[in-house]
Structure formats: C-alpha cells, structure tokens
Protein backbone atom coordinates (compact mmCIF):
# COMPACT_ATOMS: atom_id res chain seq x y z
CA MET A 1 -2.43 20.86 -1.44
CA ARG A 2 -2.10 24.50 -0.55
CA ASP A 3 0.95 26.73 -0.94
CA TRP A 4 1.48 27.98 2.61
CA LYS A 5 4.56 30.06 1.77
CA ASN A 6 2.47 32.92 0.42
CA THR A 7 -0.45 32.96 2.86
CA THR A 8 -1.45 35.67 5.27
CA LYS A 9 -1.25 35.40 9.04
CA LYS A 10 -5.05 35.32 9.15
CA GLU A 11 -5.19 32.36 6.76
CA ILE A 12 -2.59 30.51 8.84
CA ASP A 13 -4.49 31.29 12.06
CA ASN A 14 -7.61 29.77 10.44
CA MET A 15 -5.85 26.58 9.34
CA THR A 16 -7.97 23.45 9.66
CA LEU A 17 -6.89 20.14 11.16
CA GLU A 18 -6.97 18.55 7.71
CA GLU A 19 -4.65 21.24 6.34
CA ALA A 20 -2.30 20.82 9.29
CA LEU A 21 -2.21 17.06 8.72
CA GLU A 22 -1.35 17.63 5.05
CA ILE A 23 1.62 19.79 6.06
CA VAL A 24 2.84 17.26 8.60
CA GLN A 25 2.38 14.41 6.10
CA ARG A 26 4.58 16.25 3.59
CA HIS A 27 7.35 16.41 6.20
CA ILE A 28 6.90 12.72 6.97
CA ASP A 29 7.16 11.91 3.27
CA MET A 30 10.33 14.00 2.95
CA GLY A 31 11.84 12.23 5.96
CA LEU A 32 11.02 8.76 4.62
CA ASN A 33 12.38 9.69 1.21
CA ALA A 34 15.60 10.92 2.81
CA ILE A 35 16.01 7.60 4.59
CA LYS A 36 15.55 5.67 1.32
CA ASN A 37 17.55 8.09 -0.85
CA PRO A 38 19.96 10.05 1.38
CA LYS A 39 21.94 11.47 -1.56
CA ASP A 40 18.83 12.84 -3.27
CA SER A 41 17.52 14.80 -0.28
CA THR A 42 18.42 18.43 0.23
CA PHE A 43 16.24 19.02 3.29
CA ALA A 44 14.28 16.55 5.35
CA PRO A 45 13.48 15.90 8.97
CA ARG A 46 15.77 13.39 10.63
CA TYR A 47 14.43 9.93 11.35
CA HIS A 48 13.55 10.62 15.00
CA MET A 49 11.50 13.65 13.97
CA THR A 50 9.87 11.72 11.13
CA LYS A 51 8.92 8.91 13.52
CA ALA A 52 7.56 11.37 16.08
CA LEU A 53 5.41 13.05 13.42
CA MET A 54 4.16 9.64 12.25
CA LEU A 55 3.09 8.72 15.79
CA LEU A 56 1.30 12.04 16.25
CA VAL A 57 -0.58 11.73 12.96
CA GLU A 58 -1.60 8.19 13.89
CA GLU A 59 -3.01 9.35 17.24
CA VAL A 60 -4.81 12.34 15.76
CA THR A 61 -6.32 10.16 13.06
CA LYS A 62 -7.55 7.62 15.64
CA HIS A 63 -9.21 10.33 17.72
CA THR A 64 -10.83 12.11 14.78
CA GLU A 65 -12.23 8.81 13.46
CA ASP A 66 -13.86 8.19 16.85
CA GLU A 67 -15.89 11.40 16.63
C-alpha cells in the first residue's frame, strides 16, 4: 500500500488501475468500519458513498477479469 499523501503530480498521473482500486478499497473499508463502529470513526464516507464505491469496484473487477 502506497502513501499517496507525499507523491508528485507525475506519480499520481501515472497511477495504475490496481493502485486506484487500493485507494477506493481503503475508503470502502473506512465506510464499513464507520457503520459498525460509529463512535470510533473520525472520518469515513457515508453509507451511500460506500455502497456506490462498492458497486463501482465490483463492476471494474468483473470487466478486468474478462480481459
């Protein structure tokens, strides 16, 4: 897992699909954790955003497996 906070614009522009999925998955995990433990979460996407990200990851995964 890469630390994207300290990367250059060039590195971000060259991000791979796998790296993007890792970032999105971290947000999904934070959202699911916030649902299970609302008092322990400082920042997390709301449930509708978490669900939307989950659906997108599912579709991307299906299409990349087909290749």
